[in-house]
């Protein structure tokens, strides 16, 4: 059976965020020729009331066909942001109606919030003593209201096992792609990212874009340098060589790169090499030494160190996990 995702639509919701789980989970398919694989997730939208209209923050409502009983059947519950949280936002407490709906959720269900949906998780006690994030503009208020939560206002998302929280708006895409990658591997996540026309991977620890200005349109970009680097990840890549692709000084290139990507060239290269290694471990029978060379880490020791730092597991365990997952699908 597909993994069942219930998206909780609350009055005042943001339609963009409501659509993220449907776009990412709903379009994730088992790898198969011609993209004809079976759906990996079943996504339903539900309300805390019987089926009917739910207000949005725009000039229209949405008609939700499932009531709170859908929460009792979910393997994952996603709570997008709402601008009408009332006592949840003002006092840190659930309404009776919301509390009754959340009480239907089975123990062990994976809980996910997008943006200020984290207020609901915190008010329900899911975040007590845990690390969490939310939209940067609400982080201070969130921390004052829920002092028992370890708030990190800078990151895109936080994966704390069975409870995950994301920053605002588009960070919800990053978190949902992360979950697909965690559940089914990099190849599936990369394919849905390609179809959604978004970057396949922005690390959760990457900073939220708070004070960083958008570069002026006439500024040169670092796109060509990134494309050049991606084509030769298996070889040594020096910062000066990347800068040369854009005819920039190293200092200017590094500044522009950070403005556009949100990470240093070195951090970005490591992320891309980890992604390459994950893909090879999932889809090939290459030895660990060969995977390390093809991904640009050089040695199996270096690959183990980087994969352990990024994913918390060594290459052999990662390969065994996703091979076992593929065999059971």
Protein backbone atom coordinates (compact mmCIF):
# COMPACT_ATOMS: atom_id res chain seq x y z
CA UNK A 1 0.00 0.00 0.00
CA UNK A 2 1.25 3.53 -0.70
CA UNK A 3 2.36 5.58 2.26
CA UNK A 4 -0.68 7.67 3.26
CA UNK A 5 -0.12 11.41 3.76
CA UNK A 6 -2.88 13.52 5.33
CA UNK A 7 -2.57 17.28 4.81
CA UNK A 8 -4.49 19.24 7.44
CA UNK A 9 -6.21 22.31 5.97
CA UNK A 10 -6.93 24.96 8.60
CA UNK A 11 -8.87 28.19 8.06
CA UNK A 12 -6.60 30.97 6.81
CA UNK A 13 -4.29 28.53 5.06
CA UNK A 14 -1.87 29.53 2.31
CA UNK A 15 -2.85 27.75 -0.92
CA UNK A 16 0.76 27.57 -2.13
CA UNK A 17 1.86 25.64 0.95
CA UNK A 18 -1.21 23.42 0.87
CA UNK A 19 -0.24 22.34 -2.63
CA UNK A 20 3.37 21.42 -1.84
CA UNK A 21 2.72 17.93 -0.36
CA UNK A 22 0.38 17.08 -3.25
CA UNK A 23 2.95 18.15 -5.82
CA UNK A 24 5.94 16.41 -4.24
CA UNK A 25 4.44 13.29 -2.65
CA UNK A 26 1.57 12.93 -5.10
CA UNK A 27 3.89 12.81 -8.13
CA UNK A 28 6.51 10.47 -6.63
CA UNK A 29 6.58 7.18 -8.51
CA UNK A 30 8.46 3.90 -8.25
CA UNK A 31 11.35 3.89 -10.72
CA UNK A 32 10.14 2.24 -13.95
CA UNK A 33 10.64 2.64 -17.71
CA UNK A 34 8.65 5.52 -19.14
CA UNK A 35 7.77 6.86 -15.68
CA UNK A 36 4.97 4.29 -15.40
CA UNK A 37 5.80 3.23 -11.86
CA UNK A 38 3.19 2.93 -9.13
CA UNK A 39 2.50 5.87 -6.84
CA UNK A 40 4.59 5.77 -3.68
CA UNK A 41 2.26 7.99 -1.65
CA UNK A 42 -1.46 8.54 -1.33
CA UNK A 43 -2.19 12.16 -0.41
CA UNK A 44 -5.50 13.35 1.05
CA UNK A 45 -6.55 16.76 2.33
CA UNK A 46 -8.67 16.95 5.45
CA UNK A 47 -10.25 19.50 7.75
CA UNK A 48 -10.89 19.54 11.49
CA UNK A 49 -14.59 19.78 10.63
CA UNK A 50 -16.87 17.63 8.45
CA UNK A 51 -16.25 17.96 4.69
CA UNK A 52 -16.89 21.45 3.38
CA UNK A 53 -15.27 24.80 2.55
CA UNK A 54 -12.09 26.00 4.27
CA UNK A 55 -11.06 29.65 4.08
CA UNK A 56 -7.71 30.61 2.61
CA UNK A 57 -5.69 33.80 2.93
CA UNK A 58 -6.71 34.63 -0.65
CA UNK A 59 -10.05 35.66 -2.17
CA UNK A 60 -11.36 32.10 -2.42
CA UNK A 61 -12.10 29.08 -0.28
CA UNK A 62 -11.29 25.45 -1.03
CA UNK A 63 -13.70 22.54 -0.77
CA UNK A 64 -12.20 19.81 1.42
CA UNK A 65 -13.76 16.39 0.97
CA UNK A 66 -12.38 14.67 4.10
CA UNK A 67 -13.04 15.37 7.76
CA UNK A 68 -10.73 14.79 10.74
CA UNK A 69 -11.23 11.03 10.55
CA UNK A 70 -8.64 10.98 7.74
CA UNK A 71 -5.98 11.80 10.34
CA UNK A 72 -6.55 8.41 11.98
CA UNK A 73 -5.47 6.60 8.79
CA UNK A 74 -2.33 8.66 8.06
CA UNK A 75 1.25 7.44 8.10
CA UNK A 76 2.41 11.07 7.82
CA UNK A 77 0.49 14.22 8.78
CA UNK A 78 1.50 17.53 7.19
CA UNK A 79 0.34 20.84 8.69
CA UNK A 80 0.87 23.85 6.39
CA UNK A 81 0.81 27.44 7.63
CA UNK A 82 -2.36 29.34 8.47
CA UNK A 83 -2.99 33.01 9.20
CA UNK A 84 -5.98 32.23 11.44
CA UNK A 85 -4.52 30.10 14.20
CA UNK A 86 -6.16 32.17 16.94
CA UNK A 87 -5.25 30.92 20.44
CA UNK A 88 -2.62 28.61 18.97
CA UNK A 89 -0.64 31.63 17.76
CA UNK A 90 -1.64 34.03 20.52
CA UNK A 91 -1.54 31.82 23.61
CA UNK A 92 0.14 28.59 22.55
CA UNK A 93 -2.92 26.43 23.17
CA UNK A 94 -5.12 24.32 20.94
CA UNK A 95 -8.81 24.95 20.44
CA UNK A 96 -11.08 22.11 21.53
CA UNK A 97 -11.94 21.37 17.91
CA UNK A 98 -8.29 21.19 16.84
CA UNK A 99 -7.28 19.15 19.90
CA UNK A 100 -10.05 16.64 19.20
CA UNK A 101 -8.88 16.26 15.60
CA UNK A 102 -5.22 15.78 16.54
CA UNK A 103 -6.21 13.20 19.17
CA UNK A 104 -7.25 10.92 16.29
CA UNK A 105 -3.66 10.64 15.06
CA UNK A 106 -2.14 7.23 15.76
CA UNK A 107 0.99 6.99 17.95
CA UNK A 108 4.11 6.76 15.81
CA UNK A 109 2.64 8.78 12.92
CA UNK A 110 5.25 11.03 11.31
CA UNK A 111 4.44 14.69 11.95
CA UNK A 112 5.51 17.46 9.57
CA UNK A 113 4.94 21.22 9.58
CA UNK A 114 5.49 23.83 6.91
CA UNK A 115 6.23 27.40 8.03
CA UNK A 116 4.01 28.45 10.98
CA UNK A 117 2.31 25.08 11.00
CA UNK A 118 4.98 24.47 13.63
CA UNK A 119 2.80 26.41 16.10
CA UNK A 120 0.24 23.62 15.94
CA UNK A 121 2.86 20.94 16.57
CA UNK A 122 4.29 22.93 19.50
CA UNK A 123 0.89 23.63 21.06
CA UNK A 124 0.10 19.91 20.81
CA UNK A 125 3.33 19.02 22.63
CA UNK A 126 5.05 17.31 19.71
CA UNK A 127 8.04 19.66 19.90
CA UNK A 128 8.68 19.62 23.66
CA UNK A 129 12.44 19.34 24.20
CA UNK A 130 13.06 18.98 20.48
CA UNK A 131 14.83 21.13 17.89
CA UNK A 132 12.49 22.90 15.47
CA UNK A 133 12.32 25.78 13.03
CA UNK A 134 9.69 28.05 11.52
CA UNK A 135 9.57 31.12 9.29
CA UNK A 136 12.38 33.45 10.34
CA UNK A 137 9.98 36.38 10.91
CA UNK A 138 8.08 34.36 13.54
CA UNK A 139 11.05 32.67 15.22
CA UNK A 140 11.40 35.08 18.16
CA UNK A 141 7.68 35.01 18.92
CA UNK A 142 7.64 31.23 18.54
CA UNK A 143 10.49 30.84 21.04
CA UNK A 144 8.83 33.14 23.60
CA UNK A 145 5.54 31.29 23.29
CA UNK A 146 7.13 27.84 23.46
CA UNK A 147 10.30 28.09 25.61
CA UNK A 148 10.46 24.30 25.86
CA UNK A 149 11.24 24.07 22.13
CA UNK A 150 14.85 24.40 20.89
CA UNK A 151 14.25 26.87 18.06
CA UNK A 152 16.78 27.30 15.25
CA UNK A 153 15.69 30.33 13.22
CA UNK A 154 18.32 30.04 10.51
CA UNK A 155 17.89 26.65 8.85
CA UNK A 156 15.62 25.54 6.00
CA UNK A 157 14.28 22.52 7.84
CA UNK A 158 14.98 20.18 10.75
CA UNK A 159 14.60 16.41 10.63
CA UNK A 160 14.22 15.05 14.15
CA UNK A 161 13.17 11.57 13.12
CA UNK A 162 9.40 11.28 13.50
CA UNK A 163 8.86 15.05 13.76
CA UNK A 164 10.05 17.45 11.07
CA UNK A 165 9.64 21.22 10.74
CA UNK A 166 10.45 23.60 7.91
CA UNK A 167 10.96 27.30 7.44
CA UNK A 168 8.58 29.36 5.36
CA UNK A 169 6.97 28.78 1.99
CA UNK A 170 9.46 27.22 -0.48
CA UNK A 171 11.38 25.53 2.36
CA UNK A 172 8.37 23.20 2.47
CA UNK A 173 9.45 21.93 -0.95
CA UNK A 174 12.94 21.22 0.39
CA UNK A 175 11.51 19.32 3.36
CA UNK A 176 9.11 17.22 1.28
CA UNK A 177 11.89 16.35 -1.20
CA UNK A 178 14.07 15.42 1.77
CA UNK A 179 11.38 13.03 2.98
CA UNK A 180 11.05 11.41 -0.44
CA UNK A 181 14.84 11.03 -0.51
CA UNK A 182 14.81 9.58 3.00
CA UNK A 183 11.98 7.16 2.17
CA UNK A 184 12.95 6.08 -1.36
CA UNK A 185 16.42 7.35 -2.21
CA UNK A 186 18.02 10.11 -4.24
CA UNK A 187 16.97 8.82 -7.67
CA UNK A 188 13.24 9.14 -6.90
CA UNK A 189 13.68 12.54 -5.24
CA UNK A 190 15.82 13.84 -8.10
CA UNK A 191 13.21 12.80 -10.67
CA UNK A 192 10.34 14.56 -8.89
CA UNK A 193 12.55 17.64 -8.41
CA UNK A 194 13.31 17.65 -12.14
CA UNK A 195 9.62 17.42 -12.96
CA UNK A 196 8.86 20.20 -10.48
CA UNK A 197 11.70 22.32 -11.94
CA UNK A 198 13.37 22.95 -8.58
CA UNK A 199 16.87 22.18 -7.25
CA UNK A 200 16.97 18.51 -6.21
CA UNK A 201 18.76 19.23 -2.97
CA UNK A 202 19.16 22.14 -0.60
CA UNK A 203 20.58 20.92 2.67
CA UNK A 204 18.38 21.44 5.73
CA UNK A 205 21.18 23.30 7.47
CA UNK A 206 21.36 25.87 4.70
CA UNK A 207 20.50 29.36 5.94
CA UNK A 208 17.12 30.93 5.40
CA UNK A 209 17.37 33.93 3.09
CA UNK A 210 16.84 36.69 5.62
CA UNK A 211 19.08 39.67 4.87
CA UNK A 212 20.69 38.48 1.67
CA UNK A 213 19.58 40.75 -1.22
CA UNK A 214 18.60 39.46 -4.63
CA UNK A 215 21.43 40.22 -7.07
CA UNK A 216 20.76 42.96 -9.59
CA UNK A 217 19.68 41.59 -12.99
CA UNK A 218 22.71 42.99 -14.77
CA UNK A 219 25.12 41.10 -12.52
CA UNK A 220 26.88 38.09 -14.00
CA UNK A 221 25.77 34.75 -12.57
CA UNK A 222 27.66 31.61 -11.60
CA UNK A 223 25.44 29.24 -13.58
CA UNK A 224 28.07 28.30 -16.15
CA UNK A 225 30.63 27.52 -13.45
CA UNK A 226 28.20 25.23 -11.67
CA UNK A 227 27.35 23.41 -14.89
CA UNK A 228 31.07 23.04 -15.62
CA UNK A 229 31.73 21.64 -12.17
CA UNK A 230 28.85 19.17 -12.34
CA UNK A 231 30.34 17.74 -15.51
CA UNK A 232 33.64 16.92 -13.82
CA UNK A 233 32.82 15.99 -10.23
CA UNK A 234 35.13 12.99 -10.51
CA UNK A 235 38.14 15.28 -10.95
CA UNK A 236 39.81 17.85 -8.69
CA UNK A 237 38.06 21.23 -8.88
CA UNK A 238 39.79 24.35 -7.65
CA UNK A 239 37.97 27.54 -6.71
CA UNK A 240 40.11 29.54 -9.13
CA UNK A 241 39.09 27.20 -11.97
CA UNK A 242 35.42 27.78 -11.24
CA UNK A 243 35.96 31.53 -11.09
CA UNK A 244 37.77 31.39 -14.43
CA UNK A 245 34.64 29.94 -16.08
CA UNK A 246 32.86 33.22 -15.32
CA UNK A 247 35.91 35.47 -15.95
CA UNK A 248 35.75 36.68 -12.35
CA UNK A 249 38.26 37.10 -9.60
CA UNK A 250 38.07 34.45 -6.86
CA UNK A 251 36.80 37.03 -4.39
CA UNK A 252 34.02 38.30 -6.67
CA UNK A 253 33.05 34.78 -7.72
CA UNK A 254 32.80 33.60 -4.11
CA UNK A 255 30.58 36.54 -3.18
CA UNK A 256 28.29 36.07 -6.19
CA UNK A 257 28.14 32.32 -5.59
CA UNK A 258 26.95 32.82 -2.01
CA UNK A 259 24.36 35.35 -3.16
CA UNK A 260 22.91 32.96 -5.71
CA UNK A 261 23.26 29.58 -4.01
CA UNK A 262 23.26 30.39 -0.29
CA UNK A 263 26.40 28.34 0.33
CA UNK A 264 30.10 28.61 -0.40
CA UNK A 265 31.49 26.93 -3.54
CA UNK A 266 33.21 24.32 -1.35
CA UNK A 267 30.01 23.50 0.55
CA UNK A 268 28.07 23.26 -2.70
CA UNK A 269 30.65 20.94 -4.27
CA UNK A 270 30.52 18.63 -1.28
CA UNK A 271 26.71 18.52 -1.46
CA UNK A 272 26.81 17.65 -5.17
CA UNK A 273 29.40 14.92 -4.60
CA UNK A 274 27.33 13.42 -1.81
CA UNK A 275 24.33 13.39 -4.16
CA UNK A 276 26.40 11.72 -6.88
CA UNK A 277 27.61 9.10 -4.40
CA UNK A 278 24.06 8.41 -3.21
CA UNK A 279 22.88 7.91 -6.77
CA UNK A 280 25.71 5.50 -7.55
CA UNK A 281 25.20 3.54 -4.34
CA UNK A 282 21.49 3.16 -5.09
CA UNK A 283 21.67 2.36 -8.79
CA UNK A 284 25.01 0.65 -9.49
CA UNK A 285 27.11 -2.31 -8.36
CA UNK A 286 30.32 -0.27 -8.33
CA UNK A 287 32.66 -0.93 -5.45
CA UNK A 288 32.84 1.63 -2.65
CA UNK A 289 36.30 2.63 -3.87
CA UNK A 290 34.97 3.25 -7.39
CA UNK A 291 31.97 5.21 -6.09
CA UNK A 292 34.37 7.37 -4.08
CA UNK A 293 36.46 8.07 -7.18
CA UNK A 294 33.50 8.74 -9.48
CA UNK A 295 31.91 11.12 -6.95
CA UNK A 296 35.15 13.04 -6.52
CA UNK A 297 35.99 12.01 -2.97
CA UNK A 298 39.08 10.12 -4.07
CA UNK A 299 39.17 7.45 -1.39
CA UNK A 300 36.67 5.22 0.37
CA UNK A 301 37.74 6.75 3.67
CA UNK A 302 36.88 10.25 2.49
CA UNK A 303 33.53 9.03 1.12
CA UNK A 304 32.70 7.36 4.43
CA UNK A 305 33.52 10.53 6.36
CA UNK A 306 31.39 12.77 4.14
CA UNK A 307 28.44 10.39 3.93
CA UNK A 308 28.52 9.85 7.68
CA UNK A 309 28.52 13.62 8.24
CA UNK A 310 25.69 14.25 5.76
CA UNK A 311 23.45 11.24 6.37
CA UNK A 312 24.61 9.63 9.59
CA UNK A 313 25.42 6.28 7.92
CA UNK A 314 28.43 4.79 6.09
CA UNK A 315 28.20 3.89 2.37
CA UNK A 316 27.69 0.14 2.89
CA UNK A 317 24.74 0.71 5.23
CA UNK A 318 23.22 3.29 2.89
CA UNK A 319 23.46 0.92 -0.10
CA UNK A 320 22.05 -2.00 1.87
CA UNK A 321 19.12 0.09 3.12
CA UNK A 322 17.98 1.27 -0.29
CA UNK A 323 18.65 -2.04 -2.02
CA UNK A 324 16.42 -3.69 0.61
CA UNK A 325 13.79 -1.00 0.07
CA UNK A 326 13.83 -1.56 -3.69
CA UNK A 327 13.52 -5.33 -3.26
CA UNK A 328 10.33 -4.95 -1.19
CA UNK A 329 8.57 -2.57 -3.59
